[in-house]
Protein backbone atom coordinates (compact mmCIF):
# COMPACT_ATOMS: atom_id res chain seq x y z
CA MET A 1 -35.03 -44.74 -30.40
CA SER A 2 -36.55 -47.64 -28.48
CA ILE A 3 -39.15 -47.13 -25.80
CA SER A 4 -36.70 -48.20 -23.11
CA GLY A 5 -34.13 -45.74 -24.45
CA THR A 6 -36.70 -42.97 -24.48
CA VAL A 7 -37.70 -43.72 -20.89
CA ALA A 8 -34.06 -43.78 -19.78
CA SER A 9 -33.37 -40.44 -21.47
CA ALA A 10 -36.43 -38.82 -19.94
CA LEU A 11 -35.61 -40.16 -16.48
CA SER A 12 -32.06 -38.86 -16.73
CA GLY A 13 -33.48 -35.46 -17.72
CA LEU A 14 -35.82 -35.49 -14.73
CA THR A 15 -32.92 -36.40 -12.43
CA ALA A 16 -30.75 -33.60 -13.80
CA ALA A 17 -33.61 -31.09 -13.57
CA ALA A 18 -34.36 -32.11 -9.98
CA ARG A 19 -30.69 -31.76 -9.04
CA ALA A 20 -30.52 -28.37 -10.74
CA ALA A 21 -33.64 -27.20 -8.88
CA GLU A 22 -32.05 -28.36 -5.64
CA LEU A 23 -28.97 -26.25 -6.37
CA VAL A 24 -31.09 -23.20 -7.19
CA SER A 25 -32.87 -23.64 -3.87
CA SER A 26 -29.50 -23.91 -2.07
CA ASN A 27 -28.16 -20.84 -3.85
CA VAL A 28 -31.17 -18.69 -2.96
CA ALA A 29 -31.24 -19.91 0.65
CA ASN A 30 -27.52 -19.15 1.11
CA ALA A 31 -27.37 -15.89 -0.81
CA ARG A 32 -26.19 -14.07 2.33
CA THR A 33 -24.16 -16.90 3.86
CA GLU A 34 -20.52 -15.89 4.33
CA GLY A 35 -18.14 -18.15 2.42
CA TYR A 36 -20.88 -19.77 0.32
CA ALA A 37 -20.05 -20.20 -3.37
CA ARG A 38 -22.84 -20.36 -5.95
CA ARG A 39 -23.40 -23.89 -7.31
CA THR A 40 -23.97 -24.91 -10.91
CA LEU A 41 -24.30 -28.30 -12.56
CA GLU A 42 -21.87 -29.61 -15.12
CA LEU A 43 -23.84 -31.83 -17.51
CA ALA A 44 -22.71 -34.13 -20.31
CA PRO A 45 -24.42 -36.48 -22.78
CA ARG A 46 -24.76 -40.04 -21.61
CA THR A 47 -24.09 -42.67 -24.21
CA VAL A 48 -24.42 -46.41 -24.24
CA GLY A 49 -22.41 -47.83 -27.06
CA ALA A 50 -22.95 -45.54 -30.03
CA SER A 51 -26.43 -44.33 -29.02
CA GLY A 52 -27.38 -41.44 -26.79
CA GLN A 53 -29.09 -42.28 -23.52
CA GLY A 54 -29.97 -38.88 -22.11
CA VAL A 55 -27.89 -36.67 -19.85
CA GLN A 56 -25.64 -37.25 -16.87
CA VAL A 57 -24.49 -35.02 -14.01
CA VAL A 58 -20.71 -34.80 -14.21
CA ALA A 59 -20.06 -32.53 -11.23
CA VAL A 60 -21.33 -29.75 -9.03
CA LEU A 61 -19.23 -26.65 -9.70
CA ARG A 62 -18.52 -23.82 -7.24
CA ALA A 63 -18.48 -20.43 -8.94
CA THR A 64 -15.25 -18.93 -7.62
CA ASP A 65 -12.38 -16.85 -8.96
CA PRO A 66 -9.20 -18.05 -7.19
CA ILE A 67 -7.16 -15.07 -8.38
CA VAL A 68 -9.61 -12.47 -7.08
CA THR A 69 -10.11 -14.39 -3.83
CA GLY A 70 -6.35 -14.62 -3.32
CA ASP A 71 -5.84 -10.91 -3.97
CA ARG A 72 -8.73 -10.06 -1.65
CA ARG A 73 -7.17 -12.07 1.15
CA LEU A 74 -3.81 -10.37 0.70
CA ALA A 75 -5.50 -6.97 0.67
CA GLN A 76 -7.43 -7.78 3.84
CA ALA A 77 -4.23 -8.75 5.63
CA GLY A 78 -2.51 -5.53 4.55
CA ALA A 79 -5.50 -3.42 5.57
CA ALA A 80 -5.68 -5.09 9.00
CA GLU A 81 -1.97 -4.49 9.59
CA ARG A 82 -2.07 -0.81 8.68
CA GLN A 83 -5.29 -0.13 10.55
CA THR A 84 -3.81 -1.61 13.73
CA ARG A 85 -0.86 0.78 13.51
CA ALA A 86 -3.11 3.75 12.77
CA ASP A 87 -5.46 2.94 15.66
CA PHE A 88 -2.59 2.72 18.14
CA LEU A 89 -1.01 6.01 17.09
CA SER A 90 -4.40 7.69 17.05
CA GLY A 91 -5.00 6.55 20.63
CA ILE A 92 -1.60 7.85 21.78
CA GLU A 93 -2.17 11.17 20.01
CA SER A 94 -5.52 11.47 21.76
CA LEU A 95 -3.90 10.77 25.15
CA LEU A 96 -1.15 13.32 24.63
CA GLY A 97 -3.55 15.89 23.21
CA SER A 98 -2.80 18.65 20.73
CA PRO A 99 -0.98 21.72 22.11
CA GLU A 100 -4.08 23.95 21.87
CA GLU A 101 -6.26 21.53 23.88
CA GLN A 102 -6.85 22.12 27.57
CA GLY A 103 -5.50 19.17 29.52
CA SER A 104 -2.94 18.16 26.89
CA ILE A 105 0.65 17.45 27.92
CA SER A 106 1.75 20.72 26.28
CA ALA A 107 -0.95 22.64 28.15
CA ARG A 108 0.10 21.08 31.46
CA ILE A 109 3.76 22.02 30.89
CA ALA A 110 2.65 25.56 30.02
CA ALA A 111 0.56 25.67 33.22
CA PHE A 112 3.56 24.50 35.26
CA ASP A 113 5.66 27.26 33.71
CA ALA A 114 2.97 29.85 34.41
CA THR A 115 2.68 28.88 38.08
CA LEU A 116 6.45 29.25 38.50
CA ILE A 117 6.23 32.79 37.14
CA GLU A 118 3.30 33.60 39.42
CA ALA A 119 5.05 32.13 42.46
CA ALA A 120 8.21 34.12 41.68
CA SER A 121 6.16 37.34 41.76
CA ARG A 122 4.86 36.46 45.25
CA PRO A 123 7.27 33.94 46.81
CA ASP A 124 5.71 34.50 50.24
CA ALA A 125 2.26 33.23 49.14
CA ASP A 126 1.74 29.59 50.05
CA THR A 127 -1.21 29.38 47.65
CA ARG A 128 1.08 30.15 44.73
CA LEU A 129 3.69 27.66 45.89
CA SER A 130 0.93 25.10 46.25
CA ALA A 131 -0.18 25.86 42.68
CA VAL A 132 3.34 25.03 41.49
CA LEU A 133 3.09 21.61 43.14
CA ASP A 134 -0.37 20.99 41.69
CA SER A 135 0.70 21.87 38.15
CA ALA A 136 3.83 19.70 38.52
CA ARG A 137 1.64 16.82 39.65
CA GLY A 138 -0.51 17.39 36.56
CA VAL A 139 2.51 16.92 34.30
CA ILE A 140 3.53 13.78 36.21
CA ARG A 141 0.03 12.27 36.10
CA HIS A 142 -0.31 12.93 32.38
CA LEU A 143 3.02 11.31 31.55
CA SER A 144 2.31 8.36 33.83
CA ALA A 145 -1.21 7.81 32.47
CA THR A 146 0.01 7.89 28.87
CA ALA A 147 2.91 5.54 29.60
CA THR A 148 0.55 3.18 31.44
CA GLU A 149 -1.72 3.05 28.39
CA VAL A 150 1.29 2.31 26.19
CA GLN A 151 2.19 -0.66 28.36
CA ARG A 152 -1.43 -1.77 28.42
CA ALA A 153 -1.44 -1.69 24.61
CA ARG A 154 1.70 -3.86 24.58
CA GLU A 155 0.14 -6.26 27.06
CA ASN A 156 -3.07 -6.46 25.02
CA ALA A 157 -1.05 -7.06 21.84
CA ASP A 158 0.84 -9.88 23.56
CA GLY A 159 -2.44 -11.50 24.61
CA GLN A 160 -3.95 -11.03 21.15
CA ILE A 161 -0.91 -12.68 19.57
CA GLY A 162 -1.50 -15.72 21.76
CA ALA A 163 -5.19 -15.82 20.79
CA SER A 164 -4.32 -15.40 17.10
CA VAL A 165 -1.80 -18.25 17.21
CA ARG A 166 -4.41 -20.54 18.77
CA GLN A 167 -6.93 -19.50 16.11
CA ILE A 168 -4.46 -20.16 13.30
CA ASN A 169 -3.46 -23.57 14.68
CA ASP A 170 -7.11 -24.59 15.12
CA ALA A 171 -7.96 -23.39 11.60
CA LEU A 172 -5.01 -25.22 10.03
CA THR A 173 -6.03 -28.41 11.81
CA GLY A 174 -9.58 -27.98 10.50
CA ILE A 175 -8.37 -27.28 6.96
CA ALA A 176 -6.23 -30.43 7.05
CA ALA A 177 -9.26 -32.45 8.16
CA PHE A 178 -11.38 -31.00 5.36
CA ASN A 179 -8.61 -31.78 2.86
CA ALA A 180 -8.73 -35.42 3.91
CA GLN A 181 -12.54 -35.60 3.77
CA ILE A 182 -12.75 -33.89 0.38
CA VAL A 183 -10.17 -36.22 -1.17
CA SER A 184 -12.00 -39.23 0.25
CA LEU A 185 -15.41 -38.12 -1.03
CA SER A 186 -14.03 -37.03 -4.41
CA SER A 187 -12.79 -40.57 -5.03
CA THR A 188 -16.42 -41.77 -4.83
CA ASP A 189 -17.78 -38.94 -7.03
CA ARG A 190 -19.74 -37.38 -4.18
CA ASP A 191 -20.47 -33.65 -3.91
CA THR A 192 -17.89 -31.90 -1.73
CA SER A 193 -19.10 -28.31 -2.23
CA ALA A 194 -20.36 -27.91 1.35
CA LEU A 195 -17.02 -29.07 2.74
CA MET A 196 -15.19 -26.65 0.45
CA ASP A 197 -17.40 -23.81 1.71
CA GLN A 198 -16.55 -24.66 5.32
CA ARG A 199 -12.86 -24.88 4.47
CA GLN A 200 -13.01 -21.49 2.76
CA ARG A 201 -14.59 -19.95 5.87
CA LEU A 202 -11.67 -21.25 7.93
CA ILE A 203 -9.17 -19.81 5.46
CA ASP A 204 -10.96 -16.46 5.34
CA GLY A 205 -10.96 -16.39 9.14
CA ILE A 206 -7.16 -16.41 9.33
CA ALA A 207 -6.46 -14.48 6.11
CA PRO A 208 -6.37 -11.07 7.89
CA LEU A 209 -3.82 -12.48 10.36
CA ILE A 210 -1.33 -13.80 7.80
CA PRO A 211 -1.21 -12.98 4.06
CA LEU A 212 -2.10 -16.29 2.39
CA ARG A 213 -1.66 -17.93 -0.98
CA GLU A 214 -3.80 -20.97 -1.83
CA VAL A 215 -2.51 -23.64 -4.23
CA ASP A 216 -4.74 -26.34 -5.75
CA ARG A 217 -3.25 -29.83 -5.32
CA GLY A 218 -5.97 -31.68 -7.25
CA GLN A 219 -8.96 -33.76 -6.10
CA GLY A 220 -10.16 -30.75 -4.13
CA GLN A 221 -7.08 -30.69 -1.92
CA ILE A 222 -5.25 -27.40 -1.31
CA ALA A 223 -1.97 -26.14 0.11
CA LEU A 224 -1.58 -22.86 1.99
CA TYR A 225 1.54 -20.70 1.98
CA SER A 226 2.16 -17.35 3.59
CA ALA A 227 3.04 -14.51 1.21
CA GLY A 228 6.52 -14.65 2.73
CA GLY A 229 6.96 -18.29 1.72
CA ALA A 230 6.21 -20.20 4.95
CA VAL A 231 4.44 -23.53 4.42
CA LEU A 232 1.30 -23.52 6.57
CA ILE A 233 -0.32 -26.65 5.19
CA ASP A 234 0.37 -28.94 2.28
CA GLY A 235 -1.98 -31.88 2.14
CA ILE A 236 -3.16 -33.12 5.52
CA ARG A 237 -0.17 -32.00 7.61
CA PRO A 238 -0.62 -28.53 9.12
CA ALA A 239 2.23 -26.44 10.46
CA GLN A 240 2.27 -25.76 14.19
CA LEU A 241 2.80 -22.18 15.29
CA GLY A 242 4.25 -21.59 18.76
CA PHE A 243 4.02 -18.60 21.09
CA THR A 244 3.97 -18.09 24.87
CA THR A 245 1.91 -15.24 26.30
CA ALA A 246 3.70 -13.16 28.93
CA GLY A 247 0.58 -12.16 30.88
CA VAL A 248 2.10 -8.93 32.24
CA VAL A 249 4.27 -6.63 30.09
CA THR A 250 6.39 -3.85 31.58
CA ALA A 251 8.57 -1.21 29.93
CA GLU A 252 11.75 -3.16 30.69
CA MET A 253 10.53 -6.37 29.00
CA THR A 254 11.70 -6.87 25.42
CA LEU A 255 11.98 -9.63 22.87
CA ALA A 256 15.76 -9.16 22.70
CA SER A 257 16.15 -9.71 26.43
CA GLY A 258 14.17 -12.95 26.29
CA ALA A 259 11.45 -11.59 28.58
CA LEU A 260 8.91 -11.73 25.75
CA SER A 261 8.17 -14.68 23.48
CA GLY A 262 8.89 -14.75 19.77
CA MET A 263 7.14 -16.82 17.12
CA THR A 264 8.05 -20.34 16.06
CA VAL A 265 6.83 -22.50 13.19
CA ASN A 266 7.25 -26.21 13.83
CA GLY A 267 9.62 -25.36 16.65
CA ARG A 268 11.88 -23.08 14.59
CA PRO A 269 12.12 -19.35 15.44
CA VAL A 270 10.60 -17.02 12.84
CA ALA A 271 11.30 -13.29 12.66
CA MET A 272 8.11 -11.23 12.71
CA THR A 273 9.79 -8.10 11.36
CA GLU A 274 9.00 -6.60 7.95
CA GLY A 275 9.98 -9.01 5.19
CA GLY A 276 9.71 -12.05 7.46
CA PRO A 277 7.90 -15.22 6.36
CA LEU A 278 4.74 -14.35 8.36
CA SER A 279 4.83 -10.57 8.00
CA GLY A 280 2.26 -8.33 6.35
CA GLY A 281 -0.90 -9.08 8.34
CA LEU A 282 -2.59 -8.45 11.65
CA LEU A 283 -0.35 -10.94 13.45
CA SER A 284 2.85 -9.13 12.47
CA ALA A 285 1.20 -5.76 13.25
CA ARG A 286 0.60 -6.94 16.81
CA PHE A 287 4.23 -7.99 17.10
CA ALA A 288 5.28 -4.59 15.74
CA LEU A 289 3.05 -2.83 18.26
CA ARG A 290 4.45 -4.86 21.16
CA ASP A 291 8.12 -4.83 20.14
CA SER A 292 8.77 -1.60 18.22
CA LEU A 293 5.85 0.81 17.83
CA ALA A 294 4.79 1.04 21.49
CA PRO A 295 8.38 0.85 22.84
CA GLY A 296 9.25 3.72 20.52
CA VAL A 297 6.51 5.86 22.06
CA GLN A 298 7.57 4.71 25.54
CA THR A 299 11.14 5.84 24.83
CA GLN A 300 9.88 9.29 23.84
CA LEU A 301 7.83 9.58 27.03
CA ASP A 302 10.82 8.46 29.09
CA THR A 303 12.96 11.03 27.28
CA LEU A 304 10.49 13.75 28.27
CA ALA A 305 10.46 12.53 31.88
CA ARG A 306 14.26 12.31 31.99
CA ASP A 307 14.60 15.81 30.59
CA LEU A 308 12.33 17.08 33.36
CA VAL A 309 14.31 15.28 36.06
CA GLU A 310 17.70 16.42 34.83
CA ARG A 311 16.72 20.07 34.33
CA PHE A 312 15.99 20.42 38.06
CA ALA A 313 18.75 18.20 39.50
CA ASP A 314 21.68 20.58 38.91
CA PRO A 315 23.33 21.83 42.15
CA ALA A 316 24.16 25.05 40.27
CA LEU A 317 20.40 25.65 40.06
CA ASP A 318 19.69 24.80 43.70
CA PRO A 319 22.78 25.28 45.94
CA THR A 320 21.16 23.26 48.74
CA LEU A 321 21.25 20.06 46.66
CA THR A 322 23.87 17.46 47.48
CA PRO A 323 25.48 16.17 44.24
CA GLY A 324 23.80 12.91 43.21
CA ASN A 325 20.59 13.66 45.11
CA PRO A 326 17.35 14.32 43.19
CA GLY A 327 15.91 17.78 42.61
CA LEU A 328 12.25 18.70 42.29
CA PHE A 329 11.46 15.56 40.23
CA THR A 330 12.58 12.08 41.26
CA ASP A 331 12.56 8.44 40.24
CA LEU A 332 10.11 7.01 42.80
CA GLY A 333 11.47 9.46 45.37
CA GLY A 334 15.14 8.69 44.71
CA PRO A 335 17.82 9.83 42.26
CA PHE A 336 17.54 8.91 38.61
CA LEU A 337 20.09 6.45 37.22
CA ALA A 338 20.79 6.54 33.48
CA ALA A 339 20.94 2.74 33.35
CA ASN A 340 17.34 2.62 34.57
CA ALA A 341 15.79 4.95 31.97
CA ALA A 342 13.18 2.50 30.66
CA GLY A 343 9.81 3.18 32.23
CA LEU A 344 10.88 6.41 33.98
CA SER A 345 7.69 8.15 32.84
CA THR A 346 5.65 5.74 34.99
CA ARG A 347 7.94 6.21 38.01
CA LEU A 348 8.22 10.01 37.93
CA ARG A 349 7.40 11.55 41.32
CA LEU A 350 7.72 14.89 43.17
CA ASN A 351 10.53 15.11 45.71
CA PRO A 352 8.96 14.26 49.10
CA ALA A 353 10.95 17.11 50.69
CA VAL A 354 8.73 19.74 49.01
CA ASP A 355 5.42 17.87 49.20
CA PRO A 356 3.39 18.42 52.40
CA SER A 357 1.30 15.32 51.62
CA GLN A 358 4.52 13.27 51.97
CA GLY A 359 5.75 15.05 55.09
CA GLY A 360 7.73 17.73 53.24
CA GLN A 361 7.67 21.51 53.50
CA LEU A 362 6.16 23.81 50.88
CA TRP A 363 8.69 26.59 51.58
CA ARG A 364 11.50 24.40 50.17
CA LEU A 365 10.19 25.25 46.70
CA ARG A 366 11.35 28.81 47.44
CA ASP A 367 14.40 28.18 49.63
CA GLY A 368 15.87 24.90 48.29
CA VAL A 369 14.91 21.23 48.22
CA GLU A 370 17.41 20.31 50.95
CA ALA A 371 17.19 23.57 52.91
CA ALA A 372 17.19 22.94 56.68
CA THR A 373 15.32 26.11 57.67
CA PRO A 374 13.09 28.63 55.88
CA GLY A 375 14.83 31.61 54.28
CA PRO A 376 13.54 35.12 53.56
CA THR A 377 9.95 34.88 52.30
CA GLY A 378 10.57 37.47 49.62
CA ASN A 379 13.47 35.59 48.00
CA SER A 380 12.36 34.56 44.49
CA ARG A 381 15.78 33.61 43.11
CA LEU A 382 15.20 29.84 43.09
CA LEU A 383 11.70 30.11 41.58
CA VAL A 384 13.05 32.29 38.78
CA ALA A 385 15.88 29.82 38.26
CA LEU A 386 13.37 26.95 38.04
CA HIS A 387 11.43 28.85 35.39
CA ASP A 388 14.61 29.56 33.45
CA ALA A 389 15.70 25.92 33.71
CA LEU A 390 12.37 24.74 32.28
CA ASN A 391 12.72 27.03 29.26
CA ALA A 392 16.47 26.84 28.67
CA PRO A 393 17.54 25.20 25.35
CA ARG A 394 19.06 21.89 26.31
CA PRO A 395 19.86 18.72 24.35
CA PRO A 396 17.95 15.84 25.94
CA THR A 397 20.41 13.14 26.96
CA SER A 398 18.35 10.30 25.50
CA GLY A 399 16.55 12.14 22.73
CA GLY A 400 19.05 13.63 20.26
CA ALA A 401 21.57 16.44 20.15
CA THR A 402 19.36 19.42 19.22
CA ALA A 403 19.00 21.87 22.10
CA ARG A 404 15.40 22.75 22.95
CA SER A 405 13.22 23.83 25.85
CA HIS A 406 11.12 21.29 27.67
CA ALA A 407 7.93 22.63 26.07
CA VAL A 408 9.43 22.38 22.57
CA LEU A 409 10.60 18.81 23.27
CA ALA A 410 7.05 17.86 24.30
CA ALA A 411 5.59 19.56 21.22
CA GLN A 412 8.00 17.71 18.94
CA ILE A 413 7.03 14.37 20.47
CA VAL A 414 3.32 15.15 20.00
CA SER A 415 4.01 16.29 16.43
CA GLY A 416 5.95 13.10 15.68
CA VAL A 417 3.08 10.93 16.91
CA ALA A 418 0.57 12.96 14.89
CA SER A 419 2.71 12.70 11.76
CA GLY A 420 3.02 8.94 12.19
CA ARG A 421 -0.73 8.65 12.70
CA LEU A 422 -1.52 10.62 9.52
CA SER A 423 0.85 8.47 7.49
CA ALA A 424 -0.56 5.24 8.95
CA GLU A 425 -4.15 6.36 8.36
CA ALA A 426 -3.40 7.24 4.73
CA GLU A 427 -1.92 3.77 4.16
CA ALA A 428 -4.81 2.12 6.01
CA SER A 429 -7.37 4.05 3.97
CA TYR A 430 -5.80 2.96 0.68
CA SER A 431 -5.47 -0.67 1.80
CA THR A 432 -9.05 -0.80 3.07
CA ALA A 433 -10.40 0.69 -0.16
CA ARG A 434 -8.47 -1.88 -2.19
CA ALA A 435 -9.74 -4.74 -0.03
CA ASP A 436 -13.32 -3.47 -0.34
CA ALA A 437 -13.02 -3.17 -4.12
CA LEU A 438 -11.72 -6.72 -4.40
CA ARG A 439 -14.49 -7.92 -2.12
CA VAL A 440 -17.09 -6.34 -4.39
CA LEU A 441 -15.41 -7.93 -7.42
CA GLU A 442 -15.46 -11.30 -5.68
CA LEU A 443 -19.14 -10.93 -4.81
CA GLU A 444 -19.96 -10.54 -8.50
CA ASN A 445 -19.51 -14.32 -8.67
CA GLY A 446 -21.99 -14.68 -5.83
CA VAL A 447 -25.68 -15.50 -5.86
CA ASP A 448 -27.95 -13.28 -7.97
CA THR A 449 -31.45 -14.23 -6.85
CA ASP A 450 -33.07 -12.78 -10.00
CA ARG A 451 -30.86 -14.91 -12.21
CA GLU A 452 -31.46 -17.95 -10.03
CA LEU A 453 -35.24 -17.56 -10.38
CA GLN A 454 -34.84 -17.22 -14.15
CA ASN A 455 -32.83 -20.44 -14.13
CA LEU A 456 -35.57 -22.08 -12.10
CA LEU A 457 -38.13 -21.26 -14.80
CA MET A 458 -35.93 -22.93 -17.42
CA ILE A 459 -35.43 -25.91 -15.12
CA GLU A 460 -39.20 -26.22 -14.69
CA GLN A 461 -39.64 -26.19 -18.45
CA ALA A 462 -37.03 -28.93 -18.87
CA PHE A 463 -38.66 -30.95 -16.11
CA ALA A 464 -42.08 -30.54 -17.72
CA ALA A 465 -40.71 -31.57 -21.13
CA ASN A 466 -39.17 -34.76 -19.76
CA ALA A 467 -42.30 -35.48 -17.76
CA ARG A 468 -44.33 -35.05 -20.95
CA VAL A 469 -42.11 -37.58 -22.72
CA LEU A 470 -42.78 -40.13 -19.96
CA GLN A 471 -46.50 -39.37 -20.13
CA THR A 472 -46.48 -39.89 -23.89
CA VAL A 473 -44.60 -43.19 -23.52
CA ASP A 474 -47.13 -44.27 -20.91
CA GLU A 475 -49.98 -43.42 -23.26
CA MET A 476 -48.33 -45.40 -26.08
CA ILE A 477 -47.86 -48.44 -23.85
CA GLN A 478 -51.43 -48.21 -22.63
CA LEU A 479 -52.62 -48.02 -26.24
CA LEU A 480 -50.52 -51.02 -27.23
CA LEU A 481 -51.74 -53.04 -24.31
CA GLY A 482 -55.30 -52.05 -25.13
CA VAL A 483 -54.90 -53.35 -28.71
């Protein structure tokens, strides 16, 4: 080999070693950086004609496993969806309380029943009649507070959907921009690893929201599809998701009525139900919470409130009642209308006629809601009838055909929520464990600082060897010049 060829080979070795040392430094420095992929050099012999001329850097490679990364993203989306459902049901179960807990809805109904029995034993005692009102108010407050939280959860979900859509649109725009930059730099053989890392962080940021599949389009460009088949980005043209936040959500507002916004992709409506093109992630879980899960709980609460209203509105129970007028429990002080069942649990009120704080008379609990004058103070017939009405097996009008007491109806609702919560938590636990396992598997391709330092020692040896070649060539030239 000629002296010039030797120098060129040694210089190429020094360049490759310096570049490799730079990558080791970057790997160690970013060992804990989210979305960073370990870098390695791809080297190849450099030839000029038929003779070797050292080594050349072909590319900087990112150590990734697209299959594991794709599965991890899908698992994260599934885990986020199931955990959202479990968290909601857990919160509702906590608000309702288990039957044995003091202050639960079942305990408040039992307290209301107990005060009716106590008042019937001493119908002349105003303190016992007052206790009936207080326990009835406790039932009303509990139902109203729980229903209010259900609507707040729907309202929060609606707002979170809007924020998620903005995040997805911003991320897709950023991914499209990175696609364009990476293609441009790849055409000039420049390193695009840092841009790919930033693009991966954007993808990972929206992966829990929508289950994603990434497809390599060559030259570093990617396409993104939802697991349901929706095209989110292909090349440098991102899809545009549309959604309008309602701001305030009430029990009467539904997607079907047009009061709540649905999802669109490039202006076309997209169903967010199970099996839809964008289903399976946190975004669809928030739609499910707003449009089916929370309304389902609201319907059960309204069923409980309606059962309470209708049990005490029968003129056969209280002869003083005018047909069509409310009994002990009312819809904002007036009669309940079946067409206005949605949200009744938030509007449930005591009849003003029996409530001294609203100008009513306490003795009407004993003598009749619409009684004009007090009757005999020892007459307990109505109080006994109220107790019997609360415990009589009765099919709830809006909750099925099985006859049951009011307490049993409440217990079945609580049990249904608890059962749903246990099922959701089991699914969430499995999905989270799977996502964590895939995350660990993905991290195995990450930076191992011990291995990087071992590589650095080998790089130093290669650098020293090439430097020694240049030193030897220099000595030879100096010797020749000296001769």
